[in-house]
Amino acid sequence: EYEEEYRHRGLGFTTELATKAPSITTATSFECTEEPRDKFFFRFSKEDRTPIIRSCGWLGSKRVTPDQRAVICRRMRGYEGVPPAKTVCVITCDICDEEPSTKAPS
């Protein structure tokens, strides 16, 4: 594993990324969980094209309208190991058929 730092408006986000290819999750082992601190690739900044990384908590906040959330949740693109919202924020993006829950110890 290695660490790569992402910057957004002067705030530093550090994300650990695995050097191996991600494992494939089958539908039977899929867990309908997310944490507010879970990070996803939002977009590139318009000023200098640096990646902007956001959290599921931000995506679910009142600052993001339902229409904006729907657009963000449809995006398929990640960046350098940071996945898109639809694969990280499965509850906020309404991907799950289950009732909302947060990660719990198994």
C-alpha atoms as a PDB file:
ATOM      1  CA  GLU A   1       0.000   0.000   0.000  1.00  0.00           C
ATOM      2  CA  TYR A   2       1.020   3.599  -0.470  1.00  0.00           C
ATOM      3  CA  GLU A   3      -0.399   6.960   0.468  1.00  0.00           C
ATOM      4  CA  GLU A   4      -1.330   9.676  -1.962  1.00  0.00           C
ATOM      5  CA  GLU A   5      -2.433  13.106  -0.868  1.00  0.00           C
ATOM      6  CA  TYR A   6      -5.286  14.911  -2.558  1.00  0.00           C
ATOM      7  CA  ARG A   7      -5.875  18.597  -2.042  1.00  0.00           C
ATOM      8  CA  HIS A   8      -9.157  20.448  -2.218  1.00  0.00           C
ATOM      9  CA  ARG A   9      -9.331  24.177  -1.516  1.00  0.00           C
ATOM     10  CA  GLY A  10      -6.312  24.041   0.749  1.00  0.00           C
ATOM     11  CA  LEU A  11      -7.492  21.036   2.766  1.00  0.00           C
ATOM     12  CA  GLY A  12      -5.407  17.897   2.616  1.00  0.00           C
ATOM     13  CA  PHE A  13      -7.015  14.493   2.245  1.00  0.00           C
ATOM     14  CA  THR A  14      -4.841  11.428   2.580  1.00  0.00           C
ATOM     15  CA  THR A  15      -6.113   8.209   1.107  1.00  0.00           C
ATOM     16  CA  GLU A  16      -4.398   4.835   1.301  1.00  0.00           C
ATOM     17  CA  LEU A  17      -4.584   3.007  -1.978  1.00  0.00           C
ATOM     18  CA  ALA A  18      -3.778  -0.632  -2.633  1.00  0.00           C
ATOM     19  CA  THR A  19      -1.235  -1.388  -5.339  1.00  0.00           C
ATOM     20  CA  LYS A  20      -3.007  -4.616  -6.305  1.00  0.00           C
ATOM     21  CA  ALA A  21      -6.048  -4.769  -8.527  1.00  0.00           C
ATOM     22  CA  PRO A  22      -9.297  -4.556  -6.537  1.00  0.00           C
ATOM     23  CA  SER A  23     -11.068  -7.804  -5.829  1.00  0.00           C
ATOM     24  CA  ILE A  24     -14.396  -8.444  -7.511  1.00  0.00           C
ATOM     25  CA  THR A  25     -17.386  -8.494  -5.196  1.00  0.00           C
ATOM     26  CA  THR A  26     -20.199 -10.827  -6.129  1.00  0.00           C
ATOM     27  CA  ALA A  27     -23.830  -9.975  -5.515  1.00  0.00           C
ATOM     28  CA  THR A  28     -24.046 -12.611  -2.797  1.00  0.00           C
ATOM     29  CA  SER A  29     -21.198 -11.087  -0.753  1.00  0.00           C
ATOM     30  CA  PHE A  30     -22.210  -7.432  -1.278  1.00  0.00           C
ATOM     31  CA  GLU A  31     -22.787  -5.525   1.939  1.00  0.00           C
ATOM     32  CA  CYS A  32     -25.180  -2.604   1.949  1.00  0.00           C
ATOM     33  CA  THR A  33     -23.077  -0.404   4.229  1.00  0.00           C
ATOM     34  CA  GLU A  34     -21.291   2.930   4.118  1.00  0.00           C
ATOM     35  CA  GLU A  35     -19.608   5.329   6.511  1.00  0.00           C
ATOM     36  CA  PRO A  36     -19.969   9.130   6.359  1.00  0.00           C
ATOM     37  CA  ARG A  37     -16.150   9.377   6.091  1.00  0.00           C
ATOM     38  CA  ASP A  38     -15.923   6.983   3.115  1.00  0.00           C
ATOM     39  CA  LYS A  39     -14.303   8.834   0.198  1.00  0.00           C
ATOM     40  CA  PHE A  40     -15.123   8.924  -3.512  1.00  0.00           C
ATOM     41  CA  PHE A  41     -13.783  10.726  -6.586  1.00  0.00           C
ATOM     42  CA  PHE A  42     -16.038  13.740  -7.196  1.00  0.00           C
ATOM     43  CA  ARG A  43     -14.450  15.515 -10.183  1.00  0.00           C
ATOM     44  CA  PHE A  44     -11.407  17.471 -11.325  1.00  0.00           C
ATOM     45  CA  SER A  45     -11.165  21.130 -10.286  1.00  0.00           C
ATOM     46  CA  LYS A  46     -11.878  23.593 -13.059  1.00  0.00           C
ATOM     47  CA  GLU A  47      -8.909  25.792 -12.135  1.00  0.00           C
ATOM     48  CA  ASP A  48      -5.962  23.373 -12.150  1.00  0.00           C
ATOM     49  CA  ARG A  49      -7.477  19.944 -12.921  1.00  0.00           C
ATOM     50  CA  THR A  50      -6.538  18.475  -9.521  1.00  0.00           C
ATOM     51  CA  PRO A  51      -8.778  15.639  -8.312  1.00  0.00           C
ATOM     52  CA  ILE A  52     -11.482  16.568  -5.810  1.00  0.00           C
ATOM     53  CA  ILE A  53     -12.269  13.822  -3.319  1.00  0.00           C
ATOM     54  CA  ARG A  54     -15.507  14.018  -1.309  1.00  0.00           C
ATOM     55  CA  SER A  55     -17.121  11.955   1.441  1.00  0.00           C
ATOM     56  CA  CYS A  56     -20.447  10.110   1.616  1.00  0.00           C
ATOM     57  CA  GLY A  57     -21.384  12.475   4.457  1.00  0.00           C
ATOM     58  CA  TRP A  58     -20.967  15.448   2.116  1.00  0.00           C
ATOM     59  CA  LEU A  59     -22.977  13.717  -0.617  1.00  0.00           C
ATOM     60  CA  GLY A  60     -25.838  13.089   1.815  1.00  0.00           C
ATOM     61  CA  SER A  61     -25.783  16.610   3.272  1.00  0.00           C
ATOM     62  CA  LYS A  62     -28.305  19.366   2.642  1.00  0.00           C
ATOM     63  CA  ARG A  63     -25.650  21.227   0.597  1.00  0.00           C
ATOM     64  CA  VAL A  64     -26.232  18.742  -2.235  1.00  0.00           C
ATOM     65  CA  THR A  65     -29.661  18.846  -3.882  1.00  0.00           C
ATOM     66  CA  PRO A  66     -31.426  15.590  -4.802  1.00  0.00           C
ATOM     67  CA  ASP A  67     -30.868  16.347  -8.507  1.00  0.00           C
ATOM     68  CA  GLN A  68     -27.141  16.975  -7.974  1.00  0.00           C
ATOM     69  CA  ARG A  69     -26.890  13.782  -5.896  1.00  0.00           C
ATOM     70  CA  ALA A  70     -28.539  11.771  -8.682  1.00  0.00           C
ATOM     71  CA  VAL A  71     -26.034  13.081 -11.251  1.00  0.00           C
ATOM     72  CA  ILE A  72     -23.050  12.361  -8.969  1.00  0.00           C
ATOM     73  CA  CYS A  73     -24.345   8.865  -8.183  1.00  0.00           C
ATOM     74  CA  ARG A  74     -24.663   7.997 -11.900  1.00  0.00           C
ATOM     75  CA  ARG A  75     -20.999   8.759 -12.610  1.00  0.00           C
ATOM     76  CA  MET A  76     -18.870   5.704 -13.362  1.00  0.00           C
ATOM     77  CA  ARG A  77     -15.371   7.204 -13.238  1.00  0.00           C
ATOM     78  CA  GLY A  78     -12.919   6.852 -10.367  1.00  0.00           C
ATOM     79  CA  TYR A  79      -9.409   8.234 -10.212  1.00  0.00           C
ATOM     80  CA  GLU A  80      -6.161   6.433  -9.295  1.00  0.00           C
ATOM     81  CA  GLY A  81      -7.834   3.863  -7.066  1.00  0.00           C
ATOM     82  CA  VAL A  82     -10.448   6.216  -5.581  1.00  0.00           C
ATOM     83  CA  PRO A  83     -13.816   4.845  -6.745  1.00  0.00           C
ATOM     84  CA  PRO A  84     -16.902   6.799  -7.849  1.00  0.00           C
ATOM     85  CA  ALA A  85     -19.731   7.574  -5.424  1.00  0.00           C
ATOM     86  CA  LYS A  86     -22.005   4.824  -6.760  1.00  0.00           C
ATOM     87  CA  THR A  87     -19.604   2.130  -5.520  1.00  0.00           C
ATOM     88  CA  VAL A  88     -18.737   3.778  -2.179  1.00  0.00           C
ATOM     89  CA  CYS A  89     -21.906   5.583  -1.044  1.00  0.00           C
ATOM     90  CA  VAL A  90     -24.343   2.780  -1.812  1.00  0.00           C
ATOM     91  CA  ILE A  91     -26.909   3.909   0.774  1.00  0.00           C
ATOM     92  CA  THR A  92     -26.754   7.616  -0.081  1.00  0.00           C
ATOM     93  CA  CYS A  93     -26.945   6.754  -3.797  1.00  0.00           C
ATOM     94  CA  ASP A  94     -29.900   4.441  -3.114  1.00  0.00           C
ATOM     95  CA  ILE A  95     -28.147   1.447  -4.695  1.00  0.00           C
ATOM     96  CA  CYS A  96     -29.250  -0.941  -1.942  1.00  0.00           C
ATOM     97  CA  ASP A  97     -32.648  -2.588  -1.663  1.00  0.00           C
ATOM     98  CA  GLU A  98     -32.269  -2.857   2.117  1.00  0.00           C
ATOM     99  CA  GLU A  99     -33.127  -0.342   4.805  1.00  0.00           C
ATOM    100  CA  PRO A 100     -30.305   2.166   5.398  1.00  0.00           C
ATOM    101  CA  SER A 101     -27.696   1.086   7.914  1.00  0.00           C
ATOM    102  CA  THR A 102     -24.123   1.924   8.789  1.00  0.00           C
ATOM    103  CA  LYS A 103     -21.209  -0.466   8.983  1.00  0.00           C
ATOM    104  CA  ALA A 104     -21.444  -2.735  11.978  1.00  0.00           C
ATOM    105  CA  PRO A 105     -18.900  -5.238  13.248  1.00  0.00           C
ATOM    106  CA  SER A 106     -19.556  -8.706  11.860  1.00  0.00           C
END
